[in-house]
Amino acid sequence: MTGESMSKKDLLNRLRRVEGQVRGISRMVEQDKYCFDVLIQVSATSRALQRVALGLLDGHLSHCVLDAARVGGAEQEAKLKEASDAIARLVRS
């Protein structure tokens, strides 16, 4: 990630590519392809989904959290907690 928020169009394009990758993995399993080759594709798909997640998180931070920080109060606390929880989930995965 370059730190720039991904547009909705960019996110959807990435998700369509991931969808195609998953279909390809299914075909590989159906065709009894070599396990190592399937694992390489699973890893690539996981990385692609991580990039989508990071793009969504970046957008959340730069829009939702920033806007809530301007408002302050309970909304700010809630959005910061959401962001912290999302980061924790990404780190665990």
Protein backbone atom coordinates (compact mmCIF):
# COMPACT_ATOMS: atom_id res chain seq x y z
CA MET A 1 0.00 0.00 0.00
CA THR A 2 1.18 3.46 -0.75
CA GLY A 3 -0.91 5.01 1.98
CA GLU A 4 -3.52 6.24 -0.47
CA SER A 5 -7.07 5.10 0.01
CA MET A 6 -8.22 2.68 -2.64
CA SER A 7 -11.30 3.74 -4.54
CA LYS A 8 -14.41 1.58 -4.54
CA LYS A 9 -13.62 0.70 -8.16
CA ASP A 10 -10.09 -0.41 -7.20
CA LEU A 11 -11.40 -2.53 -4.32
CA LEU A 12 -14.01 -4.19 -6.51
CA ASN A 13 -11.44 -4.91 -9.23
CA ARG A 14 -9.12 -6.51 -6.67
CA LEU A 15 -11.98 -8.57 -5.25
CA ARG A 16 -12.94 -9.79 -8.73
CA ARG A 17 -9.34 -10.87 -9.27
CA VAL A 18 -9.38 -12.70 -5.94
CA GLU A 19 -12.65 -14.36 -6.93
CA GLY A 20 -11.00 -15.56 -10.13
CA GLN A 21 -7.99 -16.82 -8.19
CA VAL A 22 -10.26 -18.83 -5.87
CA ARG A 23 -12.07 -20.36 -8.85
CA GLY A 24 -8.68 -21.25 -10.30
CA ILE A 25 -7.65 -22.92 -7.05
CA SER A 26 -10.89 -24.93 -7.08
CA ARG A 27 -10.12 -26.10 -10.62
CA MET A 28 -6.60 -27.04 -9.59
CA VAL A 29 -7.95 -29.18 -6.75
CA GLU A 30 -10.56 -30.78 -9.03
CA GLN A 31 -7.81 -31.60 -11.54
CA ASP A 32 -5.55 -33.06 -8.83
CA LYS A 33 -2.79 -30.55 -9.50
CA TYR A 34 0.43 -30.82 -7.54
CA CYS A 35 -0.19 -29.76 -3.91
CA PHE A 36 2.74 -27.34 -3.83
CA ASP A 37 1.40 -25.49 -6.87
CA VAL A 38 -2.02 -25.19 -5.21
CA LEU A 39 -0.40 -23.87 -2.03
CA ILE A 40 1.43 -21.20 -4.01
CA GLN A 41 -1.88 -20.02 -5.44
CA VAL A 42 -3.54 -20.08 -2.00
CA SER A 43 -0.71 -17.94 -0.65
CA ALA A 44 -1.02 -15.46 -3.51
CA THR A 45 -4.77 -15.22 -2.95
CA SER A 46 -4.28 -14.65 0.77
CA ARG A 47 -1.87 -11.81 0.03
CA ALA A 48 -4.34 -10.28 -2.41
CA LEU A 49 -7.09 -10.35 0.23
CA GLN A 50 -4.71 -8.76 2.72
CA ARG A 51 -4.15 -5.91 0.26
CA VAL A 52 -7.92 -5.45 0.03
CA ALA A 53 -8.18 -5.44 3.83
CA LEU A 54 -5.40 -2.86 4.11
CA GLY A 55 -7.08 -0.69 1.51
CA LEU A 56 -10.35 -0.84 3.45
CA LEU A 57 -8.57 -0.08 6.71
CA ASP A 58 -6.75 2.85 5.14
CA GLY A 59 -10.06 4.24 3.90
CA HIS A 60 -11.64 3.77 7.31
CA LEU A 61 -8.78 5.59 9.01
CA SER A 62 -8.60 8.45 6.54
CA HIS A 63 -12.35 9.05 6.40
CA CYS A 64 -14.39 7.58 9.25
CA VAL A 65 -11.80 7.87 12.00
CA LEU A 66 -10.54 11.27 10.88
CA ASP A 67 -14.10 12.64 10.68
CA ALA A 68 -14.90 11.23 14.14
CA ALA A 69 -11.70 12.76 15.55
CA ARG A 70 -12.89 16.15 14.34
CA VAL A 71 -16.22 15.65 16.12
CA GLY A 72 -14.63 14.23 19.26
CA GLY A 73 -16.41 12.66 22.20
CA ALA A 74 -18.03 9.24 22.15
CA GLU A 75 -17.99 8.98 18.36
CA GLN A 76 -14.23 9.50 18.34
CA GLU A 77 -13.74 6.83 20.99
CA ALA A 78 -15.97 4.37 19.13
CA LYS A 79 -14.20 4.85 15.79
CA LEU A 80 -10.75 4.56 17.38
CA LYS A 81 -11.85 1.32 19.08
CA GLU A 82 -13.16 -0.02 15.76
CA ALA A 83 -9.87 0.80 14.06
CA SER A 84 -7.87 -0.78 16.87
CA ASP A 85 -10.02 -3.93 16.75
CA ALA A 86 -9.66 -4.14 12.97
CA ILE A 87 -5.87 -3.84 13.19
CA ALA A 88 -5.77 -6.52 15.88
CA ARG A 89 -7.79 -8.88 13.65
CA LEU A 90 -5.49 -8.24 10.70
CA VAL A 91 -2.40 -8.86 12.78
CA ARG A 92 -3.82 -12.17 14.07
CA SER A 93 -4.65 -13.45 10.58
